[in-house]
N, C-alpha and C. Protein backbone atom coordinates (compact mmCIF):
# COMPACT_ATOMS: atom_id res chain seq x y z
N MET A 1 0.85 -1.17 0.00
CA MET A 1 0.00 0.00 0.00
C MET A 1 0.90 1.24 0.00
N ALA A 2 0.60 2.19 -0.83
CA ALA A 2 1.42 3.39 -0.96
C ALA A 2 1.09 4.47 0.07
N GLN A 3 -0.03 4.33 0.74
CA GLN A 3 -0.47 5.34 1.70
C GLN A 3 -0.51 4.77 3.11
N SER A 4 -0.25 5.61 4.08
CA SER A 4 -0.42 5.23 5.49
C SER A 4 -1.69 5.89 6.00
N LEU A 5 -2.63 5.08 6.42
CA LEU A 5 -3.93 5.58 6.87
C LEU A 5 -4.24 5.03 8.26
N CYS A 6 -4.84 5.85 9.06
CA CYS A 6 -5.25 5.36 10.38
C CYS A 6 -6.43 6.18 10.88
N ASP A 7 -7.14 5.58 11.82
CA ASP A 7 -8.26 6.26 12.47
C ASP A 7 -8.23 5.83 13.93
N ILE A 8 -7.49 6.57 14.73
CA ILE A 8 -7.32 6.25 16.14
C ILE A 8 -7.88 7.40 16.96
N ILE A 9 -8.96 7.13 17.65
CA ILE A 9 -9.62 8.12 18.50
C ILE A 9 -9.28 7.80 19.95
N LEU A 10 -8.79 8.81 20.68
CA LEU A 10 -8.41 8.62 22.07
C LEU A 10 -9.18 9.56 22.99
N HIS A 11 -9.54 9.04 24.14
CA HIS A 11 -10.10 9.83 25.23
C HIS A 11 -8.99 9.89 26.27
N ILE A 12 -8.41 11.07 26.45
CA ILE A 12 -7.27 11.27 27.33
C ILE A 12 -7.74 12.00 28.58
N VAL A 13 -7.25 11.55 29.73
CA VAL A 13 -7.62 12.16 31.01
C VAL A 13 -6.36 12.31 31.85
N PHE A 14 -6.16 13.50 32.40
CA PHE A 14 -5.09 13.68 33.38
C PHE A 14 -5.47 14.79 34.34
N SER A 15 -4.82 14.75 35.50
CA SER A 15 -5.17 15.63 36.61
C SER A 15 -4.03 16.59 36.92
N THR A 16 -4.39 17.62 37.64
CA THR A 16 -3.36 18.48 38.22
C THR A 16 -2.68 17.70 39.33
N LYS A 17 -1.45 18.06 39.66
CA LYS A 17 -0.73 17.36 40.73
C LYS A 17 -1.52 17.47 42.03
N GLU A 18 -1.68 16.33 42.67
CA GLU A 18 -2.44 16.23 43.92
C GLU A 18 -3.87 16.75 43.79
N ARG A 19 -4.38 16.76 42.57
CA ARG A 19 -5.73 17.20 42.27
C ARG A 19 -6.06 18.57 42.84
N GLN A 20 -5.07 19.45 42.80
CA GLN A 20 -5.26 20.83 43.23
C GLN A 20 -6.18 21.55 42.22
N GLY A 21 -7.00 22.45 42.70
CA GLY A 21 -7.95 23.16 41.86
C GLY A 21 -7.35 24.34 41.10
N TRP A 22 -6.44 24.07 40.19
CA TRP A 22 -5.74 25.13 39.44
C TRP A 22 -6.52 25.66 38.25
N ILE A 23 -7.42 24.87 37.70
CA ILE A 23 -8.08 25.28 36.46
C ILE A 23 -9.28 26.15 36.82
N LEU A 24 -8.99 27.42 37.02
CA LEU A 24 -9.99 28.38 37.45
C LEU A 24 -10.82 28.86 36.26
N PRO A 25 -12.07 29.29 36.52
CA PRO A 25 -12.92 29.77 35.43
C PRO A 25 -12.27 30.86 34.58
N LYS A 26 -11.44 31.70 35.19
CA LYS A 26 -10.85 32.81 34.43
C LYS A 26 -9.82 32.35 33.39
N ILE A 27 -9.30 31.13 33.49
CA ILE A 27 -8.34 30.64 32.48
C ILE A 27 -8.84 29.41 31.74
N GLU A 28 -9.94 28.83 32.19
CA GLU A 28 -10.41 27.55 31.68
C GLU A 28 -10.60 27.54 30.16
N ASP A 29 -11.41 28.44 29.63
CA ASP A 29 -11.68 28.44 28.18
C ASP A 29 -10.41 28.68 27.38
N GLU A 30 -9.59 29.59 27.85
CA GLU A 30 -8.33 29.88 27.15
C GLU A 30 -7.40 28.68 27.20
N LEU A 31 -7.36 27.96 28.32
CA LEU A 31 -6.55 26.75 28.44
C LEU A 31 -7.01 25.71 27.41
N TYR A 32 -8.31 25.51 27.30
CA TYR A 32 -8.82 24.52 26.36
C TYR A 32 -8.51 24.92 24.92
N ARG A 33 -8.58 26.20 24.62
CA ARG A 33 -8.20 26.66 23.27
C ARG A 33 -6.71 26.44 23.03
N PHE A 34 -5.89 26.66 24.05
CA PHE A 34 -4.46 26.43 23.94
C PHE A 34 -4.17 24.96 23.66
N ILE A 35 -4.81 24.06 24.42
CA ILE A 35 -4.63 22.62 24.22
C ILE A 35 -5.08 22.23 22.81
N PHE A 36 -6.18 22.79 22.36
CA PHE A 36 -6.69 22.55 21.01
C PHE A 36 -5.60 22.88 19.99
N ALA A 37 -4.96 24.03 20.16
CA ALA A 37 -3.90 24.46 19.23
C ALA A 37 -2.69 23.54 19.29
N VAL A 38 -2.33 23.07 20.48
CA VAL A 38 -1.20 22.14 20.61
C VAL A 38 -1.50 20.84 19.86
N CYS A 39 -2.72 20.37 19.99
CA CYS A 39 -3.12 19.15 19.26
C CYS A 39 -2.97 19.35 17.76
N ARG A 40 -3.53 20.43 17.26
CA ARG A 40 -3.46 20.72 15.80
C ARG A 40 -2.02 20.85 15.33
N LYS A 41 -1.19 21.56 16.09
CA LYS A 41 0.21 21.76 15.73
C LYS A 41 0.96 20.43 15.60
N ASN A 42 0.51 19.43 16.35
CA ASN A 42 1.15 18.13 16.35
C ASN A 42 0.44 17.10 15.46
N GLY A 43 -0.40 17.58 14.57
CA GLY A 43 -1.04 16.71 13.58
C GLY A 43 -2.22 15.92 14.09
N CYS A 44 -2.77 16.29 15.23
CA CYS A 44 -3.93 15.61 15.79
C CYS A 44 -5.17 16.49 15.62
N LEU A 45 -6.30 15.85 15.49
CA LEU A 45 -7.56 16.58 15.35
C LEU A 45 -8.31 16.55 16.68
N PRO A 46 -8.31 17.65 17.44
CA PRO A 46 -9.07 17.67 18.69
C PRO A 46 -10.56 17.67 18.39
N ILE A 47 -11.29 16.86 19.11
CA ILE A 47 -12.73 16.75 18.92
C ILE A 47 -13.47 17.45 20.05
N ARG A 48 -13.02 17.24 21.29
CA ARG A 48 -13.67 17.86 22.44
C ARG A 48 -12.66 17.98 23.59
N ILE A 49 -12.70 19.10 24.29
CA ILE A 49 -11.86 19.32 25.46
C ILE A 49 -12.72 19.99 26.53
N ASN A 50 -12.66 19.44 27.74
CA ASN A 50 -13.41 20.02 28.85
C ASN A 50 -12.86 19.41 30.14
N GLY A 51 -13.31 19.92 31.24
CA GLY A 51 -12.89 19.38 32.52
C GLY A 51 -13.46 20.18 33.65
N VAL A 52 -12.81 20.04 34.79
CA VAL A 52 -13.15 20.78 35.99
C VAL A 52 -11.86 21.31 36.58
N GLU A 53 -11.93 21.87 37.78
CA GLU A 53 -10.77 22.58 38.34
C GLU A 53 -9.54 21.71 38.55
N ASP A 54 -9.70 20.38 38.61
CA ASP A 54 -8.53 19.54 38.91
C ASP A 54 -8.15 18.53 37.82
N HIS A 55 -8.87 18.49 36.71
CA HIS A 55 -8.48 17.57 35.63
C HIS A 55 -9.15 17.94 34.31
N VAL A 56 -8.58 17.39 33.24
CA VAL A 56 -9.12 17.63 31.90
C VAL A 56 -9.39 16.32 31.19
N HIS A 57 -10.33 16.39 30.26
CA HIS A 57 -10.65 15.31 29.34
C HIS A 57 -10.42 15.85 27.93
N ILE A 58 -9.74 15.08 27.11
CA ILE A 58 -9.47 15.47 25.73
C ILE A 58 -9.88 14.30 24.84
N LEU A 59 -10.73 14.55 23.88
CA LEU A 59 -11.08 13.57 22.87
C LEU A 59 -10.43 14.04 21.58
N LEU A 60 -9.58 13.18 21.00
CA LEU A 60 -8.90 13.60 19.77
C LEU A 60 -8.70 12.44 18.83
N GLN A 61 -8.53 12.79 17.56
CA GLN A 61 -8.12 11.82 16.56
C GLN A 61 -6.61 11.93 16.47
N LEU A 62 -5.94 10.86 16.80
CA LEU A 62 -4.49 10.84 16.83
C LEU A 62 -3.93 10.98 15.42
N GLY A 63 -2.93 11.84 15.25
CA GLY A 63 -2.26 11.96 13.97
C GLY A 63 -1.50 10.68 13.64
N LYS A 64 -1.28 10.42 12.36
CA LYS A 64 -0.65 9.15 11.97
C LYS A 64 0.85 9.11 12.23
N GLU A 65 1.45 10.24 12.61
CA GLU A 65 2.89 10.25 12.82
C GLU A 65 3.30 10.57 14.26
N ILE A 66 2.38 10.40 15.20
CA ILE A 66 2.71 10.71 16.59
C ILE A 66 2.14 9.64 17.51
N ALA A 67 2.93 9.26 18.50
CA ALA A 67 2.49 8.27 19.49
C ALA A 67 1.62 8.95 20.55
N PRO A 68 0.70 8.19 21.15
CA PRO A 68 -0.12 8.78 22.22
C PRO A 68 0.71 9.42 23.32
N SER A 69 1.76 8.75 23.77
CA SER A 69 2.58 9.31 24.85
C SER A 69 3.23 10.63 24.44
N LYS A 70 3.57 10.78 23.18
CA LYS A 70 4.22 12.00 22.70
C LYS A 70 3.24 13.18 22.69
N ILE A 71 2.04 12.98 22.18
CA ILE A 71 1.08 14.10 22.14
C ILE A 71 0.65 14.47 23.55
N ILE A 72 0.50 13.48 24.44
CA ILE A 72 0.12 13.79 25.81
C ILE A 72 1.23 14.57 26.50
N SER A 73 2.46 14.15 26.31
CA SER A 73 3.60 14.86 26.88
C SER A 73 3.67 16.29 26.36
N GLU A 74 3.43 16.46 25.07
CA GLU A 74 3.47 17.80 24.46
C GLU A 74 2.35 18.68 25.02
N ILE A 75 1.15 18.13 25.14
CA ILE A 75 0.02 18.89 25.70
C ILE A 75 0.33 19.31 27.13
N LYS A 76 0.80 18.38 27.94
CA LYS A 76 1.03 18.68 29.35
C LYS A 76 2.18 19.68 29.54
N SER A 77 3.30 19.48 28.86
CA SER A 77 4.43 20.39 29.05
C SER A 77 4.12 21.78 28.51
N SER A 78 3.54 21.86 27.32
CA SER A 78 3.22 23.17 26.73
C SER A 78 2.19 23.92 27.56
N SER A 79 1.13 23.24 27.98
CA SER A 79 0.07 23.91 28.74
C SER A 79 0.56 24.29 30.14
N SER A 80 1.44 23.50 30.71
CA SER A 80 2.00 23.85 32.01
C SER A 80 2.81 25.15 31.93
N ARG A 81 3.64 25.25 30.89
CA ARG A 81 4.40 26.50 30.69
C ARG A 81 3.45 27.67 30.45
N TRP A 82 2.41 27.44 29.66
CA TRP A 82 1.45 28.50 29.34
C TRP A 82 0.72 28.97 30.60
N ILE A 83 0.23 28.04 31.42
CA ILE A 83 -0.52 28.41 32.63
C ILE A 83 0.33 29.28 33.54
N LYS A 84 1.60 28.98 33.64
CA LYS A 84 2.49 29.73 34.52
C LYS A 84 2.67 31.18 34.06
N THR A 85 2.31 31.48 32.82
CA THR A 85 2.38 32.87 32.33
C THR A 85 1.13 33.66 32.70
N LYS A 86 0.15 33.02 33.30
CA LYS A 86 -1.13 33.67 33.57
C LYS A 86 -1.15 34.45 34.88
N GLY A 87 -0.05 34.49 35.57
CA GLY A 87 0.03 35.28 36.80
C GLY A 87 0.77 34.55 37.89
N LYS A 88 1.16 35.31 38.89
CA LYS A 88 1.93 34.77 40.01
C LYS A 88 1.19 33.64 40.73
N GLU A 89 -0.12 33.72 40.75
CA GLU A 89 -0.90 32.71 41.45
C GLU A 89 -0.77 31.32 40.82
N PHE A 90 -0.27 31.27 39.57
CA PHE A 90 -0.12 30.00 38.87
C PHE A 90 1.33 29.51 38.82
N ALA A 91 2.22 30.18 39.52
CA ALA A 91 3.65 29.86 39.46
C ALA A 91 3.95 28.42 39.86
N GLY A 92 3.18 27.85 40.76
CA GLY A 92 3.43 26.50 41.24
C GLY A 92 2.68 25.41 40.51
N PHE A 93 2.03 25.76 39.41
CA PHE A 93 1.19 24.79 38.69
C PHE A 93 2.01 23.63 38.13
N THR A 94 1.48 22.42 38.27
CA THR A 94 2.00 21.24 37.58
C THR A 94 0.87 20.25 37.36
N TRP A 95 1.01 19.47 36.29
CA TRP A 95 0.12 18.34 36.04
C TRP A 95 0.67 17.13 36.79
N GLN A 96 -0.18 16.16 37.06
CA GLN A 96 0.30 14.88 37.59
C GLN A 96 1.21 14.25 36.54
N SER A 97 2.06 13.32 36.96
CA SER A 97 2.99 12.72 36.01
C SER A 97 2.30 11.72 35.07
N GLY A 98 1.27 11.07 35.50
CA GLY A 98 0.62 10.05 34.67
C GLY A 98 -0.59 10.57 33.92
N TYR A 99 -1.26 9.64 33.26
CA TYR A 99 -2.45 9.96 32.47
C TYR A 99 -3.21 8.67 32.18
N GLY A 100 -4.41 8.83 31.68
CA GLY A 100 -5.18 7.71 31.14
C GLY A 100 -5.47 8.01 29.69
N ALA A 101 -5.34 7.01 28.84
CA ALA A 101 -5.68 7.15 27.41
C ALA A 101 -6.49 5.93 27.02
N PHE A 102 -7.69 6.16 26.53
CA PHE A 102 -8.64 5.10 26.26
C PHE A 102 -9.09 5.18 24.79
N SER A 103 -9.10 4.05 24.12
CA SER A 103 -9.54 4.04 22.73
C SER A 103 -11.06 4.21 22.66
N VAL A 104 -11.50 4.90 21.62
CA VAL A 104 -12.92 5.15 21.41
C VAL A 104 -13.26 4.75 19.98
N SER A 105 -14.28 3.94 19.81
CA SER A 105 -14.70 3.56 18.45
C SER A 105 -15.56 4.68 17.86
N ARG A 106 -15.53 4.81 16.55
CA ARG A 106 -16.31 5.86 15.86
C ARG A 106 -17.76 5.91 16.30
N PRO A 107 -18.45 4.76 16.41
CA PRO A 107 -19.86 4.83 16.82
C PRO A 107 -20.08 5.40 18.22
N ASN A 108 -19.03 5.42 19.05
CA ASN A 108 -19.19 5.92 20.42
C ASN A 108 -18.71 7.36 20.63
N ILE A 109 -18.29 8.02 19.59
CA ILE A 109 -17.78 9.39 19.73
C ILE A 109 -18.82 10.32 20.33
N ASP A 110 -20.06 10.26 19.87
CA ASP A 110 -21.10 11.15 20.40
C ASP A 110 -21.33 10.94 21.89
N VAL A 111 -21.30 9.70 22.34
CA VAL A 111 -21.49 9.38 23.76
C VAL A 111 -20.35 9.99 24.58
N VAL A 112 -19.12 9.84 24.10
CA VAL A 112 -17.97 10.37 24.82
C VAL A 112 -17.99 11.90 24.81
N MET A 113 -18.38 12.51 23.70
CA MET A 113 -18.48 13.98 23.65
C MET A 113 -19.48 14.48 24.69
N LYS A 114 -20.63 13.83 24.79
CA LYS A 114 -21.63 14.23 25.79
C LYS A 114 -21.09 14.05 27.20
N TYR A 115 -20.37 12.97 27.42
CA TYR A 115 -19.77 12.73 28.73
C TYR A 115 -18.77 13.84 29.08
N ILE A 116 -17.92 14.19 28.14
CA ILE A 116 -16.94 15.26 28.36
C ILE A 116 -17.64 16.60 28.57
N ASP A 117 -18.66 16.87 27.79
CA ASP A 117 -19.40 18.13 27.93
C ASP A 117 -20.06 18.26 29.32
N SER A 118 -20.42 17.14 29.93
CA SER A 118 -21.16 17.19 31.20
C SER A 118 -20.27 17.07 32.43
N GLN A 119 -18.99 17.36 32.30
CA GLN A 119 -18.06 17.18 33.42
C GLN A 119 -18.45 17.94 34.68
N LYS A 120 -18.84 19.17 34.55
CA LYS A 120 -19.16 19.96 35.74
C LYS A 120 -20.34 19.35 36.51
N GLU A 121 -21.37 18.94 35.80
CA GLU A 121 -22.52 18.31 36.45
C GLU A 121 -22.12 16.94 37.01
N HIS A 122 -21.35 16.20 36.24
CA HIS A 122 -20.92 14.86 36.62
C HIS A 122 -20.15 14.90 37.95
N HIS A 123 -19.28 15.89 38.11
CA HIS A 123 -18.45 15.94 39.31
C HIS A 123 -19.11 16.62 40.51
N GLU A 124 -20.38 16.91 40.38
CA GLU A 124 -21.14 17.31 41.56
C GLU A 124 -21.43 16.10 42.44
N THR A 125 -21.36 14.90 41.84
CA THR A 125 -21.71 13.68 42.57
C THR A 125 -20.60 12.62 42.60
N ILE A 126 -19.53 12.81 41.88
CA ILE A 126 -18.47 11.80 41.84
C ILE A 126 -17.10 12.47 41.83
N SER A 127 -16.17 11.91 42.56
CA SER A 127 -14.81 12.48 42.60
C SER A 127 -14.02 12.06 41.36
N PHE A 128 -12.95 12.79 41.10
CA PHE A 128 -12.06 12.41 40.01
C PHE A 128 -11.52 11.00 40.21
N GLN A 129 -11.13 10.68 41.43
CA GLN A 129 -10.57 9.36 41.71
C GLN A 129 -11.57 8.25 41.38
N ASP A 130 -12.82 8.42 41.81
CA ASP A 130 -13.84 7.41 41.52
C ASP A 130 -14.12 7.33 40.02
N GLU A 131 -14.16 8.48 39.37
CA GLU A 131 -14.37 8.51 37.92
C GLU A 131 -13.25 7.77 37.20
N PHE A 132 -12.01 8.05 37.57
CA PHE A 132 -10.87 7.46 36.89
C PHE A 132 -10.80 5.95 37.13
N ARG A 133 -11.06 5.53 38.37
CA ARG A 133 -11.10 4.09 38.65
C ARG A 133 -12.15 3.40 37.78
N ALA A 134 -13.32 4.01 37.67
CA ALA A 134 -14.39 3.43 36.85
C ALA A 134 -13.97 3.32 35.39
N MET A 135 -13.27 4.34 34.88
CA MET A 135 -12.81 4.29 33.49
C MET A 135 -11.80 3.16 33.30
N LEU A 136 -10.88 3.02 34.24
CA LEU A 136 -9.88 1.94 34.17
C LEU A 136 -10.57 0.58 34.22
N ASN A 137 -11.50 0.42 35.13
CA ASN A 137 -12.21 -0.85 35.27
C ASN A 137 -13.02 -1.18 34.02
N ARG A 138 -13.70 -0.19 33.47
CA ARG A 138 -14.49 -0.39 32.26
C ARG A 138 -13.61 -0.84 31.10
N ALA A 139 -12.39 -0.32 31.04
CA ALA A 139 -11.46 -0.67 29.97
C ALA A 139 -10.71 -1.96 30.25
N GLY A 140 -10.87 -2.51 31.46
CA GLY A 140 -10.17 -3.73 31.81
C GLY A 140 -8.69 -3.53 32.06
N ILE A 141 -8.31 -2.32 32.47
CA ILE A 141 -6.91 -2.00 32.72
C ILE A 141 -6.57 -2.38 34.16
N VAL A 142 -5.55 -3.21 34.33
CA VAL A 142 -5.09 -3.60 35.65
C VAL A 142 -4.18 -2.49 36.18
N TYR A 143 -4.39 -2.09 37.42
CA TYR A 143 -3.61 -0.99 38.00
C TYR A 143 -3.34 -1.25 39.46
N ASP A 144 -2.34 -0.57 39.97
CA ASP A 144 -2.01 -0.61 41.39
C ASP A 144 -2.39 0.74 41.97
N GLU A 145 -3.32 0.77 42.86
CA GLU A 145 -3.86 2.00 43.45
C GLU A 145 -2.77 2.92 43.99
N LYS A 146 -1.71 2.35 44.56
CA LYS A 146 -0.68 3.21 45.17
C LYS A 146 0.10 4.03 44.15
N TYR A 147 -0.01 3.67 42.88
CA TYR A 147 0.70 4.45 41.85
C TYR A 147 -0.22 5.36 41.04
N LEU A 148 -1.50 5.37 41.34
CA LEU A 148 -2.44 6.21 40.57
C LEU A 148 -2.36 7.68 40.93
N TRP A 149 -2.11 8.00 42.16
CA TRP A 149 -2.29 9.37 42.64
C TRP A 149 -0.98 9.96 43.11
N ASP A 150 -0.23 10.54 42.19
CA ASP A 150 1.03 11.18 42.60
C ASP A 150 0.84 12.64 42.89
């Protein structure tokens, strides 16, 4: 085959370090636009980005020339540097070192978009930790609890 083609949709989730509430309303929309631009710059098509004060969800179509770990690293490092430019109050900002990345089939994109869109309502009744454990369990990912929360 002369062409390289792929269709890899990922639902990426990561938290601020120690789940600190750094993602304030005054920077939230701008942060999501920044992450959107980082995705595009790296050949990925962002589909949906949203979250709450301590974590983000990103749904994207992975570019054919970048590994999931590379785009996640680029998003986290670039956005961390960007957030620190938003004022002295953000000088100590950091993301957690890990992340979750879950494959999404095309027929389920709308369901995941709705889920991401409803984060604020969703987290009125469930913690990030419980949400993340449920996502890992649903995906059948084996994990050690002591390494989830750095």
